[in-house]
Amino acid sequence: MSARVLIPAAAALAAVGLLGGCAATSSGARTAGQAANAAPGASASSRVGSGGSRAVPAASCASSSAGAVGDTAPALQAIQFVDQGHGWAAGAGRIMATSDGGRTWTRQYSGTAAVAQLDFTDAAHGWAAGQGTLLRTTDGGATWTALPVPALSGHCLALGSVHFVSPDLGYAIAASTGADGRLLRTTDGGVTWAPVPGAPASPQAVCFSSPRDGYVGGPGRIWRTTDGGATWSLAFTEPAAAGRAPAAGPLAGDAPELGCAGQDAAWVLFLGPGAAMLHAPYLAYATKDGRAWHGVLEETTLESALRPALHLPDGPGTEPGPFSVISADAAAFVGYTPPANGWGAAPLDMATNGGSTLTRAGDVPAVNEPLAAAFLTPAQGWVVGEDLKTGRFAIEATANAGRTWTTQYATS
């Protein structure tokens, strides 16, 4: 399994401009994470199931420099490896590549795109998404081609949670500012996209382990398909928070980040709203068969008040960071502890045995605000992030489950 990265939803939204508005006629492409609000009054199940109208291809907007690199775009905020040799890292105006496990990195792309997500299906075929831009390569990044970003009802869309199953078949969450999120599908490698009829309402994350088996996450709920999106069933509902009245749409629960882990299996990180005392609520769950789900970890300070009956193991960091799905048995969680009397920290927890065992591996050095992670095995992985003291961004690598780290690349 290639090491795909999942980043916190709030960071993903900010990366594509859905927090505070988006660009006009040519904004759109995005990153891992979420993108969408529900229509007023729409329940999480009101538009889910089989049938529906025929999928009509969405119009498109040209990729452009509308999402040009700005002062706040991270220099590195995405990373993915498809095997022990081949990997890519990206951020503001750059895509870096390695073919030797990160010992050397070569810049493949220099331009205006603030790339916030990478998604490769193999060593040749990959996509890079950022605000106003969707790029594709079919030769391992030697060349990158700008693809049109989709539009619905005359509005260019922000693509979120882009996930490709093959060089041709892929899914994405798309939305324009103030509109519903929509699940889109492409069968031509991202050249054209069409809404998936009957897909769950208010989607925020998507992953597929095969052309037929996949999950979609919405506020507090996870839906599953085993027939390529023709029908969907509710697979999991997040435990309700104490004192929170039942709600619909985006208020129905916390925002999910999803990672598929082979046939039937998935991991989800729910990101709660708000923060207090340098803490932000989050909790993770996992399943091996799509039916039985169990808690993996939580941020205990706030979650213990919100869901006092859970008593899950304490997760890494007082705020959520990225996580990387390794297999049905293992996932790496990198947390973030904001600076109180220092510069903060990026602690790593390794979940194994399907999430029933949690091992604290210590802090990732050289970065104290983690932005992305990619692990091939519980031992071998990479983390990108920023050193808040120096303002430099770095790629950190470990070959022994986080006991020691090597800085493979750092911005000047």
Protein backbone atom coordinates (compact mmCIF):
# COMPACT_ATOMS: atom_id res chain seq x y z
CA MET A 1 0.00 0.00 0.00
CA SER A 2 1.29 3.46 -0.86
CA ALA A 3 1.60 5.97 1.95
CA ARG A 4 -1.22 8.47 1.48
CA VAL A 5 -1.39 11.45 3.79
CA LEU A 6 -4.41 12.87 5.53
CA ILE A 7 -4.27 16.38 6.92
CA PRO A 8 -6.58 18.16 9.37
CA ALA A 9 -9.77 19.43 7.78
CA ALA A 10 -9.44 23.03 8.98
CA ALA A 11 -6.02 23.32 7.37
CA ALA A 12 -7.39 21.82 4.18
CA LEU A 13 -10.23 24.31 4.02
CA ALA A 14 -7.90 27.22 4.59
CA ALA A 15 -5.60 25.94 1.86
CA VAL A 16 -8.30 26.24 -0.78
CA GLY A 17 -9.96 29.42 0.36
CA LEU A 18 -13.21 27.95 1.68
CA LEU A 19 -12.55 29.65 4.97
CA GLY A 20 -13.28 33.27 4.24
CA GLY A 21 -14.31 32.91 0.59
CA CYS A 22 -12.73 31.67 -2.64
CA ALA A 23 -11.51 33.25 -5.81
CA ALA A 24 -13.91 34.19 -8.54
CA THR A 25 -14.21 32.46 -11.88
CA SER A 26 -11.14 30.26 -11.79
CA SER A 27 -10.65 29.21 -8.20
CA GLY A 28 -11.15 25.64 -7.31
CA ALA A 29 -8.70 22.81 -6.91
CA ARG A 30 -7.84 21.71 -3.43
CA THR A 31 -6.34 19.14 -1.15
CA ALA A 32 -6.79 16.38 1.31
CA GLY A 33 -9.47 17.18 3.80
CA GLN A 34 -12.93 18.44 3.52
CA ALA A 35 -14.93 20.99 1.68
CA ALA A 36 -18.58 21.60 2.15
CA ASN A 37 -21.61 22.82 3.98
CA ALA A 38 -24.97 21.12 3.84
CA ALA A 39 -28.03 22.73 2.37
CA PRO A 40 -30.26 24.29 5.00
CA GLY A 41 -32.48 21.62 6.51
CA ALA A 42 -30.88 18.70 4.67
CA SER A 43 -30.41 15.67 6.85
CA ALA A 44 -27.35 13.44 6.59
CA SER A 45 -29.49 10.74 5.01
CA SER A 46 -31.89 12.78 2.91
CA ARG A 47 -30.05 12.25 -0.35
CA VAL A 48 -28.42 8.86 0.16
CA GLY A 49 -29.17 5.55 -1.52
CA SER A 50 -29.55 3.97 -4.90
CA GLY A 51 -31.01 5.53 -7.99
CA GLY A 52 -31.11 9.24 -8.55
CA SER A 53 -30.82 11.11 -11.80
CA ARG A 54 -28.25 10.27 -14.43
CA ALA A 55 -24.83 11.74 -13.71
CA VAL A 56 -24.29 14.83 -15.85
CA PRO A 57 -20.67 15.88 -16.40
CA ALA A 58 -19.82 19.10 -14.65
CA ALA A 59 -18.64 22.09 -16.60
CA SER A 60 -15.06 23.14 -16.02
CA CYS A 61 -12.86 26.13 -15.30
CA ALA A 62 -9.32 26.46 -16.49
CA SER A 63 -6.59 25.96 -13.94
CA SER A 64 -4.98 29.32 -13.37
CA SER A 65 -2.84 31.38 -11.07
CA ALA A 66 -5.89 32.52 -9.11
CA GLY A 67 -4.49 30.49 -6.26
CA ALA A 68 -1.01 31.88 -6.68
CA VAL A 69 1.56 31.43 -3.98
CA GLY A 70 1.06 33.87 -1.13
CA ASP A 71 2.96 34.83 1.98
CA THR A 72 0.97 32.39 4.15
CA ALA A 73 1.11 29.29 1.94
CA PRO A 74 3.38 26.68 3.55
CA ALA A 75 6.51 25.88 1.57
CA LEU A 76 5.88 22.18 2.28
CA GLN A 77 2.49 20.77 3.26
CA ALA A 78 2.02 17.47 1.41
CA ILE A 79 3.97 14.23 1.08
CA GLN A 80 3.37 10.76 -0.38
CA PHE A 81 5.43 7.63 -1.03
CA VAL A 82 4.30 4.76 -3.28
CA ASP A 83 7.21 2.49 -2.38
CA GLN A 84 10.50 2.62 -0.48
CA GLY A 85 12.16 4.60 -3.24
CA HIS A 86 9.62 6.85 -4.90
CA GLY A 87 8.10 9.79 -3.08
CA TRP A 88 6.97 13.37 -3.57
CA ALA A 89 6.64 16.42 -1.31
CA ALA A 90 4.94 19.68 -2.23
CA GLY A 91 3.83 23.08 -1.06
CA ALA A 92 3.87 26.69 -2.19
CA GLY A 93 5.22 26.83 -5.73
CA ARG A 94 7.07 23.53 -5.57
CA ILE A 95 6.87 19.80 -6.07
CA MET A 96 9.90 17.79 -4.95
CA ALA A 97 10.61 14.17 -5.89
CA THR A 98 12.91 11.38 -4.77
CA SER A 99 13.69 7.96 -6.24
CA ASP A 100 16.07 6.83 -3.49
CA GLY A 101 13.89 6.96 -0.39
CA GLY A 102 14.57 10.62 0.30
CA ARG A 103 18.35 10.61 0.36
CA THR A 104 18.19 13.13 -2.48
CA TRP A 105 15.31 15.37 -3.55
CA THR A 106 14.87 17.05 -6.95
CA ARG A 107 12.55 19.92 -7.70
CA GLN A 108 10.12 18.88 -10.44
CA TYR A 109 7.80 21.87 -10.44
CA SER A 110 8.33 25.58 -9.85
CA GLY A 111 5.34 27.82 -10.40
CA THR A 112 2.45 29.70 -8.88
CA ALA A 113 0.39 26.80 -7.54
CA ALA A 114 0.19 26.41 -3.76
CA VAL A 115 0.00 22.62 -3.83
CA ALA A 116 -1.74 21.25 -0.75
CA GLN A 117 -2.34 17.61 -1.73
CA LEU A 118 -0.54 14.89 -3.65
CA ASP A 119 -2.26 11.68 -4.75
CA PHE A 120 -0.30 9.00 -6.65
CA THR A 121 -1.66 5.59 -7.63
CA ASP A 122 1.78 4.31 -8.68
CA ALA A 123 5.24 5.63 -9.48
CA ALA A 124 4.05 7.16 -12.76
CA HIS A 125 0.51 8.50 -12.26
CA GLY A 126 -0.19 11.31 -9.82
CA TRP A 127 -2.17 14.48 -9.15
CA ALA A 128 -1.34 17.70 -7.31
CA ALA A 129 -4.18 19.89 -6.06
CA GLY A 130 -4.17 23.42 -4.73
CA GLN A 131 -6.34 26.49 -4.78
CA GLY A 132 -7.21 27.22 -8.40
CA THR A 133 -5.04 24.40 -9.73
CA LEU A 134 -5.26 20.70 -10.53
CA LEU A 135 -2.11 19.18 -12.02
CA ARG A 136 -1.54 15.66 -13.38
CA THR A 137 1.53 13.65 -14.29
CA THR A 138 1.77 10.35 -16.15
CA ASP A 139 5.55 10.08 -16.04
CA GLY A 140 6.39 10.28 -12.36
CA GLY A 141 6.46 14.07 -12.29
CA ALA A 142 8.91 14.65 -15.13
CA THR A 143 6.10 16.72 -16.63
CA TRP A 144 2.98 18.18 -14.99
CA THR A 145 -0.11 19.14 -16.99
CA ALA A 146 -2.76 21.57 -15.76
CA LEU A 147 -6.27 20.12 -15.83
CA PRO A 148 -9.52 22.11 -15.77
CA VAL A 149 -11.21 22.24 -12.38
CA PRO A 150 -14.94 21.40 -12.34
CA ALA A 151 -17.81 23.85 -12.15
CA LEU A 152 -21.47 23.42 -11.24
CA SER A 153 -24.21 25.98 -11.84
CA GLY A 154 -21.66 28.42 -13.16
CA HIS A 155 -19.44 28.29 -10.07
CA CYS A 156 -15.92 26.91 -10.09
CA LEU A 157 -15.46 24.35 -7.33
CA ALA A 158 -12.84 23.63 -4.72
CA LEU A 159 -11.78 19.99 -4.91
CA GLY A 160 -11.21 18.35 -1.55
CA SER A 161 -10.21 14.87 -0.45
CA VAL A 162 -9.07 13.94 -3.95
CA HIS A 163 -8.61 10.17 -4.12
CA PHE A 164 -7.73 8.12 -7.20
CA VAL A 165 -8.28 4.38 -7.40
CA SER A 166 -6.49 3.95 -10.74
CA PRO A 167 -4.91 6.19 -13.39
CA ASP A 168 -8.43 6.82 -14.74
CA LEU A 169 -10.89 6.41 -11.85
CA GLY A 170 -10.96 8.95 -9.04
CA TYR A 171 -13.24 10.69 -6.55
CA ALA A 172 -13.27 14.12 -4.94
CA ILE A 173 -15.32 16.27 -2.62
CA ALA A 174 -16.21 19.54 -4.31
CA ALA A 175 -17.95 22.72 -3.20
CA SER A 176 -18.24 26.39 -3.90
CA THR A 177 -18.42 28.92 -1.09
CA GLY A 178 -21.70 28.68 0.82
CA ALA A 179 -22.93 25.65 -1.14
CA ASP A 180 -23.38 21.95 -0.47
CA GLY A 181 -20.46 19.62 -0.78
CA ARG A 182 -20.81 17.14 -3.64
CA LEU A 183 -19.14 13.81 -4.32
CA LEU A 184 -17.66 13.87 -7.82
CA ARG A 185 -16.23 11.06 -9.92
CA THR A 186 -13.87 11.05 -12.89
CA THR A 187 -13.23 8.19 -15.29
CA ASP A 188 -10.66 9.94 -17.46
CA GLY A 189 -7.95 10.80 -14.97
CA GLY A 190 -9.42 14.11 -13.83
CA VAL A 191 -10.06 15.74 -17.19
CA THR A 192 -13.81 15.73 -16.57
CA TRP A 193 -15.89 15.18 -13.40
CA ALA A 194 -19.52 14.34 -12.74
CA PRO A 195 -21.60 14.21 -9.53
CA VAL A 196 -22.24 10.71 -8.15
CA PRO A 197 -26.03 10.19 -8.10
CA GLY A 198 -27.44 9.16 -4.72
CA ALA A 199 -24.22 9.88 -2.83
CA PRO A 200 -24.39 10.90 0.87
CA ALA A 201 -25.31 14.50 1.59
CA SER A 202 -22.78 16.96 3.00
CA PRO A 203 -19.70 14.83 2.21
CA GLN A 204 -16.41 15.97 3.69
CA ALA A 205 -13.98 13.10 2.99
CA VAL A 206 -13.73 10.12 0.65
CA CYS A 207 -11.54 7.08 0.14
CA PHE A 208 -11.75 3.92 -1.97
CA SER A 209 -9.71 0.73 -1.63
CA SER A 210 -10.95 -0.66 -4.97
CA PRO A 211 -13.27 0.49 -7.76
CA ARG A 212 -16.24 -0.97 -5.83
CA ASP A 213 -15.34 -0.62 -2.14
CA GLY A 214 -15.21 2.83 -0.58
CA TYR A 215 -16.24 5.16 2.24
CA VAL A 216 -17.57 8.71 2.42
CA GLY A 217 -17.52 10.74 5.60
CA GLY A 218 -19.90 13.51 6.58
CA PRO A 219 -20.50 15.33 9.86
CA GLY A 220 -20.36 12.60 12.52
CA ARG A 221 -21.18 9.80 10.07
CA ILE A 222 -19.38 7.35 7.80
CA TRP A 223 -21.10 5.79 4.78
CA ARG A 224 -19.95 2.78 2.77
CA THR A 225 -20.46 1.48 -0.76
CA THR A 226 -19.57 -1.97 -2.08
CA ASP A 227 -20.86 -1.43 -5.60
CA GLY A 228 -18.84 1.53 -6.83
CA GLY A 229 -21.16 4.19 -5.45
CA ALA A 230 -24.45 2.86 -6.86
CA THR A 231 -25.76 2.42 -3.29
CA TRP A 232 -24.60 3.58 0.13
CA SER A 233 -25.27 2.38 3.68
CA LEU A 234 -24.57 4.00 7.03
CA ALA A 235 -21.49 2.24 8.45
CA PHE A 236 -20.72 4.25 11.61
CA THR A 237 -22.07 7.12 13.68
CA GLU A 238 -19.79 9.11 15.96
CA PRO A 239 -20.78 8.92 19.65
CA ALA A 240 -22.89 11.94 20.51
CA ALA A 241 -21.33 14.72 22.53
CA ALA A 242 -22.86 15.46 25.93
CA GLY A 243 -25.21 18.40 25.90
CA ARG A 244 -25.27 18.64 22.11
CA ALA A 245 -28.80 18.62 20.75
CA PRO A 246 -29.55 16.41 17.73
CA ALA A 247 -28.86 18.32 14.53
CA ALA A 248 -28.74 17.85 10.78
CA GLY A 249 -26.32 18.80 8.05
CA PRO A 250 -22.92 20.21 9.04
CA LEU A 251 -23.97 20.41 12.72
CA ALA A 252 -24.77 16.69 12.96
CA GLY A 253 -21.30 15.78 14.19
CA ASP A 254 -17.57 16.37 13.91
CA ALA A 255 -15.70 16.64 10.61
CA PRO A 256 -14.06 13.35 9.52
CA GLU A 257 -10.73 12.57 7.89
CA LEU A 258 -10.80 9.14 6.21
CA GLY A 259 -8.21 6.61 5.13
CA CYS A 260 -8.97 3.27 3.46
CA ALA A 261 -6.76 0.33 4.32
CA GLY A 262 -7.42 -2.45 1.86
CA GLN A 263 -10.63 -4.37 1.33
CA ASP A 264 -13.28 -3.43 3.93
CA ALA A 265 -10.91 -1.63 6.34
CA ALA A 266 -10.79 2.08 7.18
CA TRP A 267 -9.55 4.58 9.76
CA VAL A 268 -11.25 7.87 10.62
CA LEU A 269 -10.16 10.89 12.64
CA PHE A 270 -13.03 13.12 13.81
CA LEU A 271 -12.09 16.77 14.32
CA GLY A 272 -14.24 18.64 16.80
CA PRO A 273 -15.00 22.38 16.62
CA GLY A 274 -13.41 24.99 18.81
CA ALA A 275 -10.36 25.06 21.05
CA ALA A 276 -9.68 25.97 24.65
CA MET A 277 -6.54 26.21 26.77
CA LEU A 278 -4.35 25.16 23.81
CA HIS A 279 -6.49 22.04 23.31
CA ALA A 280 -8.77 21.02 20.44
CA PRO A 281 -11.06 17.97 20.52
CA TYR A 282 -10.43 14.95 18.29
CA LEU A 283 -10.97 11.20 18.37
CA ALA A 284 -10.10 8.29 16.05
CA TYR A 285 -11.85 5.04 15.15
CA ALA A 286 -10.95 2.03 13.00
CA THR A 287 -12.65 -0.94 11.36
CA LYS A 288 -11.41 -4.05 9.60
CA ASP A 289 -14.72 -5.16 8.12
CA GLY A 290 -16.83 -2.02 7.82
CA ARG A 291 -19.25 -3.26 10.49
CA ALA A 292 -17.41 -3.36 13.82
CA TRP A 293 -15.72 -0.07 14.73
CA HIS A 294 -13.62 0.58 17.83
CA GLY A 295 -12.09 3.67 19.38
CA VAL A 296 -8.35 4.20 18.93
CA LEU A 297 -7.49 7.47 20.67
CA GLU A 298 -8.80 10.87 21.73
CA GLU A 299 -7.69 14.26 22.99
CA THR A 300 -8.61 13.59 26.58
CA THR A 301 -8.87 17.07 28.12
CA LEU A 302 -11.86 18.25 26.09
CA GLU A 303 -13.19 14.91 24.87
CA SER A 304 -13.49 13.62 28.44
CA ALA A 305 -16.04 16.37 29.04
CA LEU A 306 -17.78 15.97 25.69
CA ARG A 307 -17.93 12.16 25.78
CA PRO A 308 -17.13 11.06 29.35
CA ALA A 309 -18.10 7.43 28.75
CA LEU A 310 -15.50 6.75 26.04
CA HIS A 311 -12.23 6.69 28.02
CA LEU A 312 -10.05 6.23 24.91
CA PRO A 313 -6.23 6.35 25.11
CA ASP A 314 -4.72 9.82 25.03
CA GLY A 315 -3.72 10.83 21.51
CA PRO A 316 -0.54 12.63 20.47
CA GLY A 317 -0.61 16.35 21.03
CA THR A 318 -3.25 18.63 22.47
CA GLU A 319 -4.47 19.43 18.94
CA PRO A 320 -4.88 17.13 15.93
CA GLY A 321 -2.24 16.79 13.26
CA PRO A 322 -1.94 14.60 10.16
CA PHE A 323 -2.27 10.83 10.17
CA SER A 324 -1.12 8.18 7.72
CA VAL A 325 -2.91 4.88 7.14
CA ILE A 326 -0.45 2.01 6.75
CA SER A 327 -2.72 -1.05 6.66
CA ALA A 328 -5.81 -2.50 8.29
CA ASP A 329 -3.59 -3.16 11.31
CA ALA A 330 -1.57 0.04 11.59
CA ALA A 331 -1.72 3.83 11.28
CA ALA A 332 0.59 6.65 12.33
CA PHE A 333 -0.85 9.70 14.13
CA VAL A 334 1.19 12.90 14.43
CA GLY A 335 -0.23 15.43 16.86
CA TYR A 336 0.48 19.07 17.54
CA THR A 337 1.08 20.71 20.88
CA PRO A 338 0.95 24.52 20.44
CA PRO A 339 3.66 26.60 22.05
CA ALA A 340 2.95 27.66 25.61
CA ASN A 341 6.45 28.19 27.00
CA GLY A 342 8.47 27.29 23.95
CA TRP A 343 7.95 26.50 20.29
CA GLY A 344 5.53 23.60 20.47
CA ALA A 345 6.02 19.93 19.59
CA ALA A 346 4.94 17.28 17.08
CA PRO A 347 4.51 14.00 19.00
CA LEU A 348 4.04 10.69 17.14
CA ASP A 349 1.79 7.79 18.18
CA MET A 350 1.82 4.46 16.33
CA ALA A 351 -1.44 2.50 16.37
CA THR A 352 -1.05 -1.24 15.72
CA ASN A 353 -3.14 -4.41 16.11
CA GLY A 354 -5.98 -2.71 14.30
CA GLY A 355 -5.79 0.25 16.67
CA SER A 356 -5.96 -1.72 19.91
CA THR A 357 -2.31 -0.97 20.74
CA LEU A 358 -1.02 2.60 20.92
CA THR A 359 2.71 3.32 21.25
CA ARG A 360 4.14 6.78 21.95
CA ALA A 361 7.24 7.30 19.81
CA GLY A 362 8.30 10.74 21.01
CA ASP A 363 8.48 14.05 19.17
CA VAL A 364 9.44 14.61 15.55
CA PRO A 365 12.54 16.85 15.63
CA ALA A 366 13.23 19.81 13.35
CA VAL A 367 9.49 20.49 12.98
CA ASN A 368 7.10 21.47 15.71
CA GLU A 369 4.03 22.11 13.58
CA PRO A 370 3.39 18.97 11.48
CA LEU A 371 1.49 19.37 8.23
CA ALA A 372 1.64 15.95 6.55
CA ALA A 373 2.84 12.41 7.16
CA ALA A 374 3.42 9.35 4.99
CA PHE A 375 4.29 5.94 6.48
CA LEU A 376 4.91 2.78 4.45
CA THR A 377 5.31 0.58 7.53
CA PRO A 378 5.17 1.21 11.28
CA ALA A 379 8.95 1.57 11.10
CA GLN A 380 9.46 3.66 7.96
CA GLY A 381 7.86 7.04 7.46
CA TRP A 382 8.20 10.71 6.67
CA VAL A 383 6.75 13.90 8.20
CA VAL A 384 6.77 17.41 6.74
CA GLY A 385 6.17 20.55 8.75
CA GLU A 386 7.50 23.85 9.97
CA ASP A 387 10.01 24.81 12.62
CA LEU A 388 8.17 27.75 14.15
CA LYS A 389 11.36 29.12 15.68
CA THR A 390 13.24 29.45 12.39
CA GLY A 391 10.36 29.51 9.91
CA ARG A 392 11.99 26.71 7.90
CA PHE A 393 10.08 23.75 6.50
CA ALA A 394 11.60 20.29 6.52
CA ILE A 395 11.14 16.67 5.48
CA GLU A 396 11.93 14.38 8.39
CA ALA A 397 12.43 10.62 7.93
CA THR A 398 12.53 7.67 10.33
CA ALA A 399 13.43 4.03 9.70
CA ASN A 400 12.87 2.80 13.27
CA ALA A 401 9.34 3.82 14.23
CA GLY A 402 10.28 7.32 15.33
CA ARG A 403 13.13 6.51 17.72
CA THR A 404 15.51 8.53 15.53
CA TRP A 405 14.94 10.96 12.67
CA THR A 406 16.95 12.36 9.75
CA THR A 407 16.35 15.71 8.09
CA GLN A 408 16.31 14.86 4.39
CA TYR A 409 15.42 18.28 3.04
CA ALA A 410 14.91 21.77 4.47
CA THR A 411 13.95 25.08 2.95
CA SER A 412 16.42 27.92 3.23
